[in-house]
Protein backbone atom coordinates (compact mmCIF):
# COMPACT_ATOMS: atom_id res chain seq x y z
CA UNK A 1 -20.54 -22.80 -2.88
CA UNK A 2 -17.15 -23.10 -4.56
CA UNK A 3 -17.08 -19.35 -5.34
CA UNK A 4 -17.87 -18.58 -1.71
CA UNK A 5 -15.10 -21.02 -0.58
CA UNK A 6 -12.70 -19.43 -3.03
CA UNK A 7 -13.53 -15.96 -1.75
CA UNK A 8 -12.98 -17.13 1.87
CA UNK A 9 -9.44 -18.44 1.11
CA UNK A 10 -8.64 -15.17 -0.81
CA UNK A 11 -9.71 -13.08 2.10
CA UNK A 12 -7.81 -15.36 4.41
CA UNK A 13 -4.68 -14.89 2.34
CA UNK A 14 -5.01 -11.16 2.18
CA UNK A 15 -5.69 -10.87 5.93
CA UNK A 16 -2.82 -13.05 6.78
CA UNK A 17 -0.47 -10.88 4.53
CA UNK A 18 -1.59 -7.51 5.76
CA UNK A 19 -2.29 -8.17 9.47
CA UNK A 20 1.48 -7.95 10.59
CA UNK A 21 1.89 -4.61 8.89
CA UNK A 22 -1.52 -3.42 10.35
CA UNK A 23 -0.46 -4.37 13.80
CA UNK A 24 2.86 -2.74 13.50
CA UNK A 25 1.28 0.55 12.35
CA UNK A 26 -1.18 0.53 15.07
CA UNK A 27 1.43 -0.11 17.69
CA UNK A 28 4.14 2.31 16.52
CA UNK A 29 2.00 5.20 15.30
CA UNK A 30 1.44 6.99 18.61
CA UNK A 31 5.18 7.40 19.23
CA UNK A 32 7.49 6.43 16.38
CA UNK A 33 6.62 8.05 13.11
CA UNK A 34 9.88 6.87 11.37
CA UNK A 35 9.07 3.28 11.95
CA UNK A 36 5.58 3.84 10.67
CA UNK A 37 6.98 5.50 7.57
CA UNK A 38 9.02 2.41 6.85
CA UNK A 39 6.08 0.07 7.39
CA UNK A 40 4.03 2.22 4.99
CA UNK A 41 6.79 2.19 2.37
CA UNK A 42 6.76 -1.68 2.74
CA UNK A 43 3.05 -1.86 2.28
CA UNK A 44 3.21 0.51 -0.92
CA UNK A 45 6.22 -1.15 -2.52
CA UNK A 46 5.88 -4.87 -1.64
CA UNK A 47 2.46 -5.66 -0.09
CA UNK A 48 0.40 -3.85 -2.74
CA UNK A 49 2.04 -5.85 -5.61
CA UNK A 50 1.36 -9.06 -3.66
CA UNK A 51 -2.25 -8.10 -3.13
CA UNK A 52 -2.80 -7.47 -6.89
CA UNK A 53 -1.00 -10.75 -7.67
CA UNK A 54 -3.25 -12.72 -5.33
CA UNK A 55 -6.37 -11.16 -6.85
CA UNK A 56 -5.04 -11.87 -10.40
CA UNK A 57 -4.29 -15.49 -9.67
CA UNK A 58 -7.29 -16.42 -7.63
CA UNK A 59 -9.94 -13.92 -8.79
CA UNK A 60 -8.75 -12.97 -12.35
CA UNK A 61 -8.45 -9.32 -11.39
CA UNK A 62 -6.58 -7.47 -14.09
CA UNK A 63 -4.39 -4.33 -14.26
CA UNK A 64 -3.75 -2.56 -17.50
CA UNK A 65 -1.24 0.29 -17.16
CA UNK A 66 -0.60 2.15 -20.31
CA UNK A 67 3.12 3.34 -20.63
CA UNK A 68 2.15 5.86 -23.21
CA UNK A 69 3.38 9.39 -22.33
CA UNK A 70 5.16 8.36 -19.15
CA UNK A 71 8.49 9.44 -20.67
CA UNK A 72 7.12 13.05 -20.77
CA UNK A 73 6.69 13.23 -16.99
CA UNK A 74 8.99 15.86 -15.37
CA UNK A 75 10.71 15.22 -12.12
CA UNK A 76 7.76 16.58 -10.10
CA UNK A 77 4.15 17.04 -10.96
CA UNK A 78 0.52 17.31 -9.96
CA UNK A 79 -1.84 14.41 -10.89
CA UNK A 80 -5.29 15.24 -11.91
CA UNK A 81 -7.58 12.17 -12.18
CA UNK A 82 -11.21 10.98 -12.02
CA UNK A 83 -12.14 8.82 -8.95
CA UNK A 84 -13.86 5.53 -8.91
CA UNK A 85 -12.82 3.44 -5.84
CA UNK A 86 -10.50 3.30 -2.83
CA UNK A 87 -8.39 1.17 -5.03
CA UNK A 88 -7.49 4.28 -7.00
CA UNK A 89 -4.86 4.99 -4.34
CA UNK A 90 -2.93 1.79 -4.65
CA UNK A 91 -3.56 1.75 -8.28
CA UNK A 92 -1.63 5.01 -8.66
CA UNK A 93 0.97 4.02 -6.25
CA UNK A 94 1.77 1.16 -8.66
CA UNK A 95 1.16 3.07 -11.79
CA UNK A 96 3.83 5.61 -10.76
CA UNK A 97 6.09 3.20 -9.16
CA UNK A 98 9.47 4.71 -8.41
CA UNK A 99 7.89 8.21 -7.83
CA UNK A 100 6.32 9.20 -4.57
CA UNK A 101 2.76 10.08 -4.86
CA UNK A 102 0.61 11.62 -2.00
CA UNK A 103 -3.14 12.07 -2.12
CA UNK A 104 -5.69 14.66 -1.22
CA UNK A 105 -8.39 12.50 0.37
CA UNK A 106 -11.51 12.79 2.60
CA UNK A 107 -10.87 13.09 6.33
CA UNK A 108 -12.87 9.91 7.12
CA UNK A 109 -9.99 7.77 5.61
CA UNK A 110 -7.67 9.11 8.34
CA UNK A 111 -9.95 7.35 11.00
CA UNK A 112 -9.40 3.74 11.99
CA UNK A 113 -12.65 2.67 10.52
CA UNK A 114 -10.81 0.81 7.79
CA UNK A 115 -7.96 -1.23 9.24
CA UNK A 116 -4.51 -0.42 7.93
CA UNK A 117 -5.65 2.45 5.60
CA UNK A 118 -5.85 5.13 8.17
CA UNK A 119 -2.56 4.79 9.95
CA UNK A 120 -0.72 3.99 6.71
CA UNK A 121 -2.03 7.31 4.95
CA UNK A 122 -1.45 9.42 7.99
CA UNK A 123 2.11 8.07 8.56
CA UNK A 124 2.90 8.70 4.88
CA UNK A 125 1.88 12.38 4.95
CA UNK A 126 -1.28 12.44 2.78
CA UNK A 127 -3.75 15.31 3.00
CA UNK A 128 -7.11 14.82 4.64
CA UNK A 129 -9.92 17.20 3.94
CA UNK A 130 -12.76 17.43 6.41
CA UNK A 131 -16.34 17.19 4.94
CA UNK A 132 -17.51 19.64 7.61
CA UNK A 133 -15.65 22.76 8.58
CA UNK A 134 -14.77 26.12 7.30
CA UNK A 135 -12.97 26.78 3.98
CA UNK A 136 -9.98 28.27 5.91
CA UNK A 137 -9.30 24.90 7.58
CA UNK A 138 -9.47 23.15 4.30
CA UNK A 139 -7.04 25.59 2.71
CA UNK A 140 -4.64 25.50 5.68
CA UNK A 141 -4.42 21.78 5.26
CA UNK A 142 -3.88 21.94 1.45
CA UNK A 143 -1.16 24.65 1.95
CA UNK A 144 0.65 22.44 4.55
CA UNK A 145 0.41 19.47 2.27
CA UNK A 146 1.72 21.44 -0.73
CA UNK A 147 4.68 22.57 1.29
CA UNK A 148 5.46 18.98 2.34
CA UNK A 149 5.26 17.78 -1.35
CA UNK A 150 7.70 20.46 -2.44
CA UNK A 151 10.05 19.67 0.39
CA UNK A 152 10.06 15.90 -0.05
CA UNK A 153 9.76 15.71 -3.83
CA UNK A 154 6.34 14.21 -3.57
CA UNK A 155 3.68 14.35 -6.39
CA UNK A 156 0.46 15.39 -5.25
CA UNK A 157 -2.71 13.62 -6.52
CA UNK A 158 -6.08 15.34 -6.44
CA UNK A 159 -9.43 14.01 -7.56
CA UNK A 160 -11.42 17.10 -8.65
CA UNK A 161 -14.76 15.24 -8.48
CA UNK A 162 -14.29 15.25 -4.70
CA UNK A 163 -15.90 11.73 -4.29
CA UNK A 164 -16.01 8.42 -5.98
CA UNK A 165 -18.22 7.83 -8.98
CA UNK A 166 -20.85 5.14 -8.30
CA UNK A 167 -21.39 4.31 -11.89
CA UNK A 168 -18.18 5.26 -13.63
CA UNK A 169 -19.66 8.52 -15.17
CA UNK A 170 -17.52 11.60 -14.56
CA UNK A 171 -18.98 13.99 -11.94
CA UNK A 172 -18.71 17.69 -11.66
CA UNK A 173 -15.19 19.07 -11.24
CA UNK A 174 -14.44 21.49 -8.36
CA UNK A 175 -11.64 23.73 -8.81
CA UNK A 176 -10.72 25.06 -5.28
CA UNK A 177 -8.38 22.38 -4.12
CA UNK A 178 -6.60 21.99 -7.44
CA UNK A 179 -6.13 25.69 -7.85
CA UNK A 180 -4.66 26.05 -4.34
CA UNK A 181 -2.09 23.29 -4.99
CA UNK A 182 -1.33 24.73 -8.41
CA UNK A 183 -0.83 28.17 -6.87
CA UNK A 184 1.33 26.85 -4.05
CA UNK A 185 3.60 24.41 -6.03
CA UNK A 186 3.68 25.79 -9.45
CA UNK A 187 4.24 22.31 -10.75
CA UNK A 188 3.37 20.80 -14.13
CA UNK A 189 0.13 18.92 -14.39
CA UNK A 190 -0.29 15.26 -15.37
CA UNK A 191 -3.78 14.54 -16.55
CA UNK A 192 -4.65 10.78 -15.87
CA UNK A 193 -7.64 8.59 -15.96
CA UNK A 194 -8.84 5.23 -14.42
CA UNK A 195 -11.60 2.94 -15.23
CA UNK A 196 -13.38 -0.11 -13.99
CA UNK A 197 -13.01 0.65 -10.37
CA UNK A 198 -16.53 1.76 -9.97
CA UNK A 199 -17.67 -1.86 -10.26
CA UNK A 200 -16.16 -2.52 -6.85
CA UNK A 201 -16.77 0.73 -5.07
CA UNK A 202 -19.33 -1.06 -2.96
CA UNK A 203 -17.71 -3.42 -0.41
CA UNK A 204 -20.65 -5.90 -0.89
CA UNK A 205 -19.60 -6.42 -4.42
CA UNK A 206 -15.92 -6.46 -4.32
CA UNK A 207 -15.46 -10.27 -4.29
CA UNK A 208 -18.55 -10.76 -6.55
CA UNK A 209 -17.30 -8.50 -9.34
CA UNK A 210 -13.50 -8.85 -8.88
CA UNK A 211 -13.16 -11.28 -11.81
CA UNK A 212 -14.98 -8.79 -14.17
CA UNK A 213 -12.38 -6.07 -13.56
CA UNK A 214 -9.70 -4.88 -15.80
CA UNK A 215 -8.47 -1.82 -13.87
CA UNK A 216 -7.05 0.58 -16.43
CA UNK A 217 -4.82 3.63 -15.83
CA UNK A 218 -3.28 6.00 -18.36
CA UNK A 219 -1.35 9.30 -18.52
CA UNK A 220 -3.26 11.49 -21.08
CA UNK A 221 -1.20 14.56 -21.10
CA UNK A 222 1.35 16.60 -19.34
CA UNK A 223 0.49 20.40 -19.07
CA UNK A 224 2.88 23.19 -18.02
CA UNK A 225 2.36 24.89 -14.67
CA UNK A 226 -1.01 26.73 -14.54
CA UNK A 227 -0.09 29.97 -12.83
CA UNK A 228 -3.29 32.00 -13.34
CA UNK A 229 -6.99 31.25 -12.39
CA UNK A 230 -7.79 31.35 -16.06
CA UNK A 231 -5.01 28.73 -16.88
CA UNK A 232 -6.13 26.54 -14.02
CA UNK A 233 -9.78 26.51 -15.16
CA UNK A 234 -8.69 25.89 -18.76
CA UNK A 235 -6.65 22.79 -17.52
CA UNK A 236 -9.58 21.40 -15.53
CA UNK A 237 -11.92 21.84 -18.51
CA UNK A 238 -9.26 20.07 -20.82
CA UNK A 239 -8.79 17.33 -18.24
CA UNK A 240 -12.48 16.55 -18.20
CA UNK A 241 -12.73 16.40 -21.99
CA UNK A 242 -9.66 14.10 -22.17
CA UNK A 243 -10.81 11.75 -19.43
CA UNK A 244 -14.29 11.46 -21.01
CA UNK A 245 -12.89 10.79 -24.53
CA UNK A 246 -10.61 8.03 -23.10
CA UNK A 247 -13.46 6.53 -21.11
CA UNK A 248 -15.63 6.43 -24.03
CA UNK A 249 -12.86 4.83 -26.23
CA UNK A 250 -12.08 2.11 -23.63
CA UNK A 251 -15.80 1.38 -23.19
CA UNK A 252 -16.47 1.17 -26.92
CA UNK A 253 -13.54 -1.18 -27.51
CA UNK A 254 -11.38 1.55 -29.17
CA UNK A 255 -7.98 2.74 -28.02
CA UNK A 256 -7.00 6.55 -27.93
């Protein structure tokens, strides 16, 4: 009973904090992109920190961001990461605080099925890939996204698994999206890894498991631009090995 009551008050606090921004985005999105962009910036830079603070205080939700290798980051880069939950997006926005990151995400996130998320991501210029449709449409969207990243000094984030892991295990890596961005931007590649998000990738278990979470994020390696197909495939293979090594270390209580 007390846990259920606590969950209710946490949800109430989060809804109360995010509702004004959600209403503002929904109202201004059809006709005023500049205002929506400012609201989205406020959500990323202010609201997200408050959300994590509330979750820490009331649900014991923890974040563990490794600062190792961050000094090696160039001015602009591509992020390659595994994918475990929708929280990976705000996690990386906070992990790379001070640097604008933009995500390649599935098209369903651009809809209004999840309040706040769709309008915020659309107004911030993220890339949405349709699950159904020809490869030419997908590549056109990625090309447009890559051009926006270069123009605005954004750092593109791509999840080569293509979908969230349900049990924390690494899935198959797909190369097409990463290779297209690498070809278009010719940027260095930051190999990163997250863990523990898979425990709350089901909305039914978010509040139930929140106190068990220590959401980790770490930059594993910065690679030079991959300019050929062979280099790009090699980077993906190395990324998967490094991610698996780090996940195994975290889960066994070791640090790498």
